[in-house]
Amino acid sequence: MADDNTITIKAEKKQRSLDNLKPFKKGQSGNPKGLKKGTVSIVAGIKRKLMQLEPGTKKVYLDLFLSKYFQKAIRDGNVALMKDFIDRIDGRPDNSNSQVNVQVNVSPILGELKAE
């Protein structure tokens, strides 16, 4: 167990640390220089790759990705992917406790997928 002296030292250190904090001025960024040079954005890399042509099909990877996504969601009946897709299009409902029953006729969509 820590003695009173140790507790006092820790409390003093914490207080000095808090005293050193200074709020940002209005309109001032906490990181005015931005990211360090050489920082790699994985998201930017993925976006670039999705827009490149896949050599075998001459389609961009984004089209191939979405085709597979739709196949999994609709043809395979993956309800979780369908829900994810709808959430990304319309946004998530404000009240996550609300439940809505939806019936969708996917026959026309399956016909289009089979034609591909």
C-alpha atoms as a PDB file:
ATOM      1  CA  MET A   1       0.000   0.000   0.000  1.00  0.00           C
ATOM      2  CA  ALA A   2       1.277   3.490  -0.833  1.00  0.00           C
ATOM      3  CA  ASP A   3       2.280   5.765   2.003  1.00  0.00           C
ATOM      4  CA  ASP A   4       0.993   9.329   2.432  1.00  0.00           C
ATOM      5  CA  ASN A   5       4.208  10.785   0.992  1.00  0.00           C
ATOM      6  CA  THR A   6       3.793   8.880  -2.313  1.00  0.00           C
ATOM      7  CA  ILE A   7       0.153   9.927  -2.598  1.00  0.00           C
ATOM      8  CA  THR A   8       1.094  13.582  -2.040  1.00  0.00           C
ATOM      9  CA  ILE A   9       3.814  13.446  -4.718  1.00  0.00           C
ATOM     10  CA  LYS A  10       1.416  11.875  -7.223  1.00  0.00           C
ATOM     11  CA  ALA A  11      -1.234  14.500  -6.470  1.00  0.00           C
ATOM     12  CA  GLU A  12       1.311  17.320  -6.936  1.00  0.00           C
ATOM     13  CA  LYS A  13       2.471  15.851 -10.268  1.00  0.00           C
ATOM     14  CA  LYS A  14      -1.101  15.553 -11.471  1.00  0.00           C
ATOM     15  CA  GLN A  15      -1.853  19.147 -10.453  1.00  0.00           C
ATOM     16  CA  ARG A  16       1.254  20.455 -12.288  1.00  0.00           C
ATOM     17  CA  SER A  17       0.187  18.507 -15.350  1.00  0.00           C
ATOM     18  CA  LEU A  18      -3.313  19.986 -15.208  1.00  0.00           C
ATOM     19  CA  ASP A  19      -1.905  23.508 -14.656  1.00  0.00           C
ATOM     20  CA  ASN A  20       0.119  23.087 -17.857  1.00  0.00           C
ATOM     21  CA  LEU A  21      -2.979  22.493 -19.977  1.00  0.00           C
ATOM     22  CA  LYS A  22      -4.060  25.437 -22.057  1.00  0.00           C
ATOM     23  CA  PRO A  23      -7.322  25.521 -24.026  1.00  0.00           C
ATOM     24  CA  PHE A  24      -7.109  26.206 -27.747  1.00  0.00           C
ATOM     25  CA  LYS A  25      -8.012  29.650 -28.946  1.00  0.00           C
ATOM     26  CA  LYS A  26     -11.329  29.877 -30.751  1.00  0.00           C
ATOM     27  CA  GLY A  27     -10.890  28.704 -34.349  1.00  0.00           C
ATOM     28  CA  GLN A  28      -7.443  27.237 -33.672  1.00  0.00           C
ATOM     29  CA  SER A  29      -6.675  23.622 -34.493  1.00  0.00           C
ATOM     30  CA  GLY A  30      -5.054  21.309 -31.989  1.00  0.00           C
ATOM     31  CA  ASN A  31      -2.854  19.996 -34.789  1.00  0.00           C
ATOM     32  CA  PRO A  32      -2.120  22.976 -37.065  1.00  0.00           C
ATOM     33  CA  LYS A  33       0.596  21.220 -39.081  1.00  0.00           C
ATOM     34  CA  GLY A  34      -1.614  18.222 -39.830  1.00  0.00           C
ATOM     35  CA  LEU A  35      -0.295  14.724 -40.283  1.00  0.00           C
ATOM     36  CA  LYS A  36       3.428  14.088 -40.296  1.00  0.00           C
ATOM     37  CA  LYS A  37       5.073  13.834 -43.723  1.00  0.00           C
ATOM     38  CA  GLY A  38       5.163  10.287 -44.980  1.00  0.00           C
ATOM     39  CA  THR A  39       1.970   9.294 -43.164  1.00  0.00           C
ATOM     40  CA  VAL A  40       0.144   6.711 -45.249  1.00  0.00           C
ATOM     41  CA  SER A  41      -3.636   6.678 -45.472  1.00  0.00           C
ATOM     42  CA  ILE A  42      -4.968   3.165 -45.911  1.00  0.00           C
ATOM     43  CA  VAL A  43      -8.363   4.536 -46.932  1.00  0.00           C
ATOM     44  CA  ALA A  44      -6.803   6.663 -49.694  1.00  0.00           C
ATOM     45  CA  GLY A  45      -4.922   3.593 -50.939  1.00  0.00           C
ATOM     46  CA  ILE A  46      -8.082   1.503 -51.000  1.00  0.00           C
ATOM     47  CA  LYS A  47      -9.973   4.224 -52.877  1.00  0.00           C
ATOM     48  CA  ARG A  48      -7.195   4.442 -55.488  1.00  0.00           C
ATOM     49  CA  LYS A  49      -7.146   0.676 -55.928  1.00  0.00           C
ATOM     50  CA  LEU A  50     -10.936   0.480 -56.277  1.00  0.00           C
ATOM     51  CA  MET A  51     -10.758   2.866 -59.244  1.00  0.00           C
ATOM     52  CA  GLN A  52      -8.089   0.827 -61.092  1.00  0.00           C
ATOM     53  CA  LEU A  53      -8.947  -1.566 -63.901  1.00  0.00           C
ATOM     54  CA  GLU A  54      -8.726  -5.271 -63.182  1.00  0.00           C
ATOM     55  CA  PRO A  55      -6.675  -6.650 -66.108  1.00  0.00           C
ATOM     56  CA  GLY A  56      -8.753  -9.787 -66.735  1.00  0.00           C
ATOM     57  CA  THR A  57     -12.195  -8.157 -66.883  1.00  0.00           C
ATOM     58  CA  LYS A  58     -11.396  -4.561 -67.874  1.00  0.00           C
ATOM     59  CA  LYS A  59     -13.747  -3.438 -65.093  1.00  0.00           C
ATOM     60  CA  VAL A  60     -12.747  -1.276 -62.167  1.00  0.00           C
ATOM     61  CA  TYR A  61     -12.313  -3.143 -58.899  1.00  0.00           C
ATOM     62  CA  LEU A  62     -15.175  -1.128 -57.398  1.00  0.00           C
ATOM     63  CA  ASP A  63     -17.629  -2.652 -59.898  1.00  0.00           C
ATOM     64  CA  LEU A  64     -16.298  -6.140 -59.186  1.00  0.00           C
ATOM     65  CA  PHE A  65     -16.506  -5.557 -55.447  1.00  0.00           C
ATOM     66  CA  LEU A  66     -20.089  -4.295 -55.611  1.00  0.00           C
ATOM     67  CA  SER A  67     -21.130  -7.213 -57.840  1.00  0.00           C
ATOM     68  CA  LYS A  68     -19.808  -9.701 -55.289  1.00  0.00           C
ATOM     69  CA  TYR A  69     -21.410  -7.706 -52.478  1.00  0.00           C
ATOM     70  CA  PHE A  70     -24.816  -7.788 -54.190  1.00  0.00           C
ATOM     71  CA  GLN A  71     -24.492 -11.484 -54.980  1.00  0.00           C
ATOM     72  CA  LYS A  72     -23.734 -12.307 -51.359  1.00  0.00           C
ATOM     73  CA  ALA A  73     -26.486 -10.046 -50.070  1.00  0.00           C
ATOM     74  CA  ILE A  74     -29.247 -10.955 -52.499  1.00  0.00           C
ATOM     75  CA  ARG A  75     -28.516 -14.260 -54.221  1.00  0.00           C
ATOM     76  CA  ASP A  76     -27.195 -15.920 -51.064  1.00  0.00           C
ATOM     77  CA  GLY A  77     -29.827 -14.213 -48.909  1.00  0.00           C
ATOM     78  CA  ASN A  78     -27.310 -12.700 -46.504  1.00  0.00           C
ATOM     79  CA  VAL A  79     -29.611 -10.568 -44.361  1.00  0.00           C
ATOM     80  CA  ALA A  80     -26.742  -8.886 -42.493  1.00  0.00           C
ATOM     81  CA  LEU A  81     -25.269  -7.599 -45.777  1.00  0.00           C
ATOM     82  CA  MET A  82     -28.699  -6.442 -46.952  1.00  0.00           C
ATOM     83  CA  LYS A  83     -29.144  -4.495 -43.710  1.00  0.00           C
ATOM     84  CA  ASP A  84     -25.637  -3.038 -44.007  1.00  0.00           C
ATOM     85  CA  PHE A  85     -26.333  -1.994 -47.590  1.00  0.00           C
ATOM     86  CA  ILE A  86     -29.623  -0.297 -46.685  1.00  0.00           C
ATOM     87  CA  ASP A  87     -27.977   1.453 -43.722  1.00  0.00           C
ATOM     88  CA  ARG A  88     -25.268   2.835 -46.008  1.00  0.00           C
ATOM     89  CA  ILE A  89     -27.780   4.113 -48.555  1.00  0.00           C
ATOM     90  CA  ASP A  90     -30.411   5.611 -46.268  1.00  0.00           C
ATOM     91  CA  GLY A  91     -28.415   5.963 -43.075  1.00  0.00           C
ATOM     92  CA  ARG A  92     -29.141   4.165 -39.852  1.00  0.00           C
ATOM     93  CA  PRO A  93     -32.454   4.817 -38.150  1.00  0.00           C
ATOM     94  CA  ASP A  94     -32.322   7.272 -35.246  1.00  0.00           C
ATOM     95  CA  ASN A  95     -33.886   4.782 -32.854  1.00  0.00           C
ATOM     96  CA  SER A  96     -31.982   1.513 -33.018  1.00  0.00           C
ATOM     97  CA  ASN A  97     -34.691  -0.146 -30.906  1.00  0.00           C
ATOM     98  CA  SER A  98     -37.327   0.250 -33.596  1.00  0.00           C
ATOM     99  CA  GLN A  99     -38.014  -2.777 -35.733  1.00  0.00           C
ATOM    100  CA  VAL A 100     -39.594  -2.709 -39.160  1.00  0.00           C
ATOM    101  CA  ASN A 101     -40.724  -5.765 -41.084  1.00  0.00           C
ATOM    102  CA  VAL A 102     -40.063  -5.404 -44.797  1.00  0.00           C
ATOM    103  CA  GLN A 103     -41.068  -7.788 -47.549  1.00  0.00           C
ATOM    104  CA  VAL A 104     -39.171  -7.493 -50.814  1.00  0.00           C
ATOM    105  CA  ASN A 105     -39.690  -9.388 -54.043  1.00  0.00           C
ATOM    106  CA  VAL A 106     -36.124 -10.161 -55.123  1.00  0.00           C
ATOM    107  CA  SER A 107     -37.097 -12.267 -58.177  1.00  0.00           C
ATOM    108  CA  PRO A 108     -36.433  -9.448 -60.713  1.00  0.00           C
ATOM    109  CA  ILE A 109     -33.082  -8.731 -59.086  1.00  0.00           C
ATOM    110  CA  LEU A 110     -32.103 -12.416 -59.087  1.00  0.00           C
ATOM    111  CA  GLY A 111     -33.023 -12.613 -62.764  1.00  0.00           C
ATOM    112  CA  GLU A 112     -30.663  -9.731 -63.544  1.00  0.00           C
ATOM    113  CA  LEU A 113     -27.861 -11.307 -61.498  1.00  0.00           C
ATOM    114  CA  LYS A 114     -28.266 -14.657 -63.267  1.00  0.00           C
ATOM    115  CA  ALA A 115     -28.079 -12.873 -66.642  1.00  0.00           C
ATOM    116  CA  GLU A 116     -24.630 -11.464 -65.786  1.00  0.00           C
END
